[in-house]
Amino acid sequence: MKVENQTAIELSNEELDVVAGGTDVFTDVTQYQSEILVVGQKAESAAGGSSAAANIARQKINAKAAHLIGLAS
């Protein structure tokens, strides 16, 4: 394999910045929120009868995530 061009090339400062890369930016953001509601109820009566019971449970979950990657020259 023969290399045709072996002359040195002078790069400008702007071209050197592009070749060198620049600044990397990485940002991660996460959010998690949970709400739990538990309700219980019980009713009784005497003299041979009546009873009641109720249980209610609710859970609400909110989750978010973002990831940003950037390259600035």
N, C-alpha and C. Protein backbone atom coordinates (compact mmCIF):
# COMPACT_ATOMS: atom_id res chain seq x y z
N MET A 1 0.84 -1.17 0.00
CA MET A 1 0.00 0.00 0.00
C MET A 1 0.88 1.23 0.00
N LYS A 2 0.62 2.13 -0.91
CA LYS A 2 1.43 3.32 -1.06
C LYS A 2 0.65 4.53 -0.56
N VAL A 3 1.28 5.36 0.29
CA VAL A 3 0.66 6.58 0.79
C VAL A 3 1.03 7.71 -0.15
N GLU A 4 0.02 8.35 -0.74
CA GLU A 4 0.26 9.39 -1.73
C GLU A 4 0.60 10.74 -1.11
N ASN A 5 -0.10 11.12 -0.02
CA ASN A 5 0.06 12.46 0.54
C ASN A 5 0.79 12.37 1.88
N GLN A 6 2.00 12.88 1.93
CA GLN A 6 2.77 12.88 3.17
C GLN A 6 3.16 14.30 3.58
N THR A 7 2.51 15.29 3.03
CA THR A 7 2.83 16.67 3.40
C THR A 7 2.09 17.05 4.68
N ALA A 8 2.72 17.89 5.48
CA ALA A 8 2.12 18.35 6.73
C ALA A 8 1.05 19.39 6.42
N ILE A 9 -0.02 19.35 7.18
CA ILE A 9 -1.11 20.31 7.03
C ILE A 9 -1.26 21.07 8.33
N GLU A 10 -1.28 22.38 8.24
CA GLU A 10 -1.46 23.23 9.42
C GLU A 10 -2.96 23.46 9.62
N LEU A 11 -3.46 23.12 10.82
CA LEU A 11 -4.88 23.31 11.12
C LEU A 11 -5.08 24.61 11.88
N SER A 12 -6.22 25.26 11.63
CA SER A 12 -6.56 26.49 12.37
C SER A 12 -7.00 26.10 13.78
N ASN A 13 -7.11 27.08 14.67
CA ASN A 13 -7.54 26.81 16.04
C ASN A 13 -8.95 26.22 16.07
N GLU A 14 -9.82 26.69 15.20
CA GLU A 14 -11.17 26.15 15.14
C GLU A 14 -11.17 24.69 14.70
N GLU A 15 -10.36 24.36 13.71
CA GLU A 15 -10.26 22.98 13.26
C GLU A 15 -9.65 22.09 14.34
N LEU A 16 -8.68 22.61 15.09
CA LEU A 16 -8.09 21.84 16.18
C LEU A 16 -9.12 21.55 17.27
N ASP A 17 -9.99 22.52 17.56
CA ASP A 17 -11.04 22.31 18.56
C ASP A 17 -11.99 21.19 18.13
N VAL A 18 -12.30 21.14 16.83
CA VAL A 18 -13.19 20.09 16.32
C VAL A 18 -12.52 18.74 16.44
N VAL A 19 -11.26 18.65 16.09
CA VAL A 19 -10.52 17.39 16.16
C VAL A 19 -10.33 16.96 17.61
N ALA A 20 -10.07 17.92 18.50
CA ALA A 20 -9.82 17.61 19.90
C ALA A 20 -11.08 17.14 20.61
N GLY A 21 -12.24 17.48 20.13
CA GLY A 21 -13.48 17.02 20.76
C GLY A 21 -14.28 18.16 21.31
N GLY A 22 -13.95 18.65 22.46
CA GLY A 22 -14.73 19.70 23.10
C GLY A 22 -15.14 19.28 24.49
N THR A 23 -16.35 19.64 24.86
CA THR A 23 -16.86 19.38 26.20
C THR A 23 -18.00 18.37 26.13
N ASP A 24 -17.92 17.35 26.98
CA ASP A 24 -19.00 16.37 27.09
C ASP A 24 -19.92 16.78 28.23
N VAL A 25 -21.22 16.66 28.02
CA VAL A 25 -22.22 17.00 29.04
C VAL A 25 -23.09 15.77 29.27
N PHE A 26 -23.17 15.33 30.51
CA PHE A 26 -24.01 14.21 30.90
C PHE A 26 -24.89 14.64 32.06
N THR A 27 -26.19 14.45 31.93
CA THR A 27 -27.12 14.81 33.00
C THR A 27 -28.13 13.68 33.17
N ASP A 28 -28.32 13.25 34.41
CA ASP A 28 -29.34 12.26 34.75
C ASP A 28 -30.30 12.87 35.76
N VAL A 29 -31.59 12.69 35.53
CA VAL A 29 -32.61 13.18 36.45
C VAL A 29 -33.61 12.05 36.67
N THR A 30 -33.89 11.74 37.93
CA THR A 30 -34.90 10.74 38.26
C THR A 30 -35.81 11.27 39.35
N GLN A 31 -37.07 10.85 39.31
CA GLN A 31 -38.03 11.25 40.31
C GLN A 31 -38.92 10.04 40.62
N TYR A 32 -39.18 9.79 41.90
CA TYR A 32 -40.04 8.70 42.32
C TYR A 32 -40.93 9.19 43.44
N GLN A 33 -42.22 8.95 43.30
CA GLN A 33 -43.18 9.37 44.33
C GLN A 33 -44.20 8.26 44.51
N SER A 34 -44.51 7.94 45.76
CA SER A 34 -45.49 6.90 46.05
C SER A 34 -46.45 7.38 47.13
N GLU A 35 -47.73 7.16 46.90
CA GLU A 35 -48.75 7.49 47.89
C GLU A 35 -49.54 6.21 48.19
N ILE A 36 -49.69 5.90 49.47
CA ILE A 36 -50.44 4.72 49.88
C ILE A 36 -51.56 5.16 50.82
N LEU A 37 -52.77 4.72 50.51
CA LEU A 37 -53.94 5.03 51.34
C LEU A 37 -54.57 3.70 51.77
N VAL A 38 -54.69 3.50 53.07
CA VAL A 38 -55.31 2.29 53.61
C VAL A 38 -56.44 2.72 54.54
N VAL A 39 -57.64 2.17 54.29
CA VAL A 39 -58.81 2.49 55.11
C VAL A 39 -59.43 1.17 55.57
N GLY A 40 -59.74 1.08 56.83
CA GLY A 40 -60.39 -0.10 57.37
C GLY A 40 -61.63 0.31 58.16
N GLN A 41 -62.66 -0.53 58.13
CA GLN A 41 -63.89 -0.23 58.85
C GLN A 41 -64.47 -1.53 59.37
N LYS A 42 -65.01 -1.50 60.57
CA LYS A 42 -65.63 -2.68 61.14
C LYS A 42 -66.83 -2.23 61.98
N ALA A 43 -67.92 -2.90 61.83
CA ALA A 43 -69.12 -2.58 62.61
C ALA A 43 -69.67 -3.88 63.19
N GLU A 44 -70.10 -3.85 64.41
CA GLU A 44 -70.67 -5.02 65.06
C GLU A 44 -71.91 -4.59 65.83
N SER A 45 -72.75 -5.52 66.07
CA SER A 45 -73.86 -5.29 67.01
C SER A 45 -74.03 -6.55 67.84
N ALA A 46 -74.78 -6.46 68.85
CA ALA A 46 -74.90 -7.58 69.80
C ALA A 46 -76.26 -8.26 69.68
N ALA A 47 -76.54 -9.09 70.63
CA ALA A 47 -77.79 -9.85 70.76
C ALA A 47 -78.01 -10.78 69.58
N GLY A 48 -76.96 -11.48 69.21
CA GLY A 48 -77.11 -12.56 68.25
C GLY A 48 -76.98 -12.21 66.78
N GLY A 49 -76.56 -11.04 66.40
CA GLY A 49 -76.44 -10.81 64.98
C GLY A 49 -75.67 -9.56 64.60
N SER A 50 -75.54 -9.36 63.30
CA SER A 50 -74.93 -8.22 62.62
C SER A 50 -73.41 -8.14 62.77
N SER A 51 -72.80 -7.97 61.65
CA SER A 51 -71.36 -7.72 61.59
C SER A 51 -71.04 -7.21 60.19
N ALA A 52 -70.11 -6.35 60.08
CA ALA A 52 -69.70 -5.81 58.78
C ALA A 52 -68.21 -5.50 58.83
N ALA A 53 -67.55 -5.62 57.71
CA ALA A 53 -66.13 -5.30 57.63
C ALA A 53 -65.82 -4.78 56.23
N ALA A 54 -64.92 -3.84 56.13
CA ALA A 54 -64.50 -3.31 54.83
C ALA A 54 -63.04 -2.88 54.93
N ASN A 55 -62.28 -3.20 53.92
CA ASN A 55 -60.89 -2.78 53.82
C ASN A 55 -60.65 -2.23 52.42
N ILE A 56 -60.03 -1.08 52.36
CA ILE A 56 -59.72 -0.45 51.08
C ILE A 56 -58.26 -0.06 51.10
N ALA A 57 -57.54 -0.39 50.05
CA ALA A 57 -56.14 0.00 49.92
C ALA A 57 -55.91 0.52 48.51
N ARG A 58 -55.20 1.61 48.43
CA ARG A 58 -54.88 2.20 47.13
C ARG A 58 -53.43 2.67 47.15
N GLN A 59 -52.71 2.40 46.06
CA GLN A 59 -51.33 2.87 45.93
C GLN A 59 -51.18 3.58 44.59
N LYS A 60 -50.61 4.75 44.64
CA LYS A 60 -50.36 5.55 43.43
C LYS A 60 -48.85 5.76 43.31
N ILE A 61 -48.29 5.37 42.17
CA ILE A 61 -46.84 5.50 41.94
C ILE A 61 -46.61 6.39 40.73
N ASN A 62 -45.71 7.34 40.89
CA ASN A 62 -45.32 8.23 39.80
C ASN A 62 -43.80 8.18 39.68
N ALA A 63 -43.30 7.74 38.54
CA ALA A 63 -41.85 7.63 38.34
C ALA A 63 -41.49 8.27 36.99
N LYS A 64 -40.41 9.07 37.02
CA LYS A 64 -39.94 9.73 35.81
C LYS A 64 -38.42 9.63 35.76
N ALA A 65 -37.87 9.58 34.54
CA ALA A 65 -36.42 9.56 34.37
C ALA A 65 -36.06 10.22 33.05
N ALA A 66 -34.94 10.92 33.05
CA ALA A 66 -34.43 11.56 31.84
C ALA A 66 -32.91 11.45 31.83
N HIS A 67 -32.35 11.25 30.65
CA HIS A 67 -30.90 11.15 30.49
C HIS A 67 -30.50 12.00 29.30
N LEU A 68 -29.59 12.93 29.52
CA LEU A 68 -29.16 13.85 28.46
C LEU A 68 -27.65 13.68 28.24
N ILE A 69 -27.28 13.48 26.99
CA ILE A 69 -25.87 13.41 26.61
C ILE A 69 -25.65 14.45 25.52
N GLY A 70 -24.65 15.28 25.70
CA GLY A 70 -24.37 16.31 24.70
C GLY A 70 -22.88 16.49 24.50
N LEU A 71 -22.51 16.96 23.32
CA LEU A 71 -21.13 17.24 22.99
C LEU A 71 -21.08 18.64 22.41
N ALA A 72 -20.33 19.51 23.06
CA ALA A 72 -20.19 20.89 22.59
C ALA A 72 -18.73 21.10 22.18
N SER A 73 -18.55 21.76 21.09
CA SER A 73 -17.18 22.00 20.64
C SER A 73 -16.70 23.36 21.07
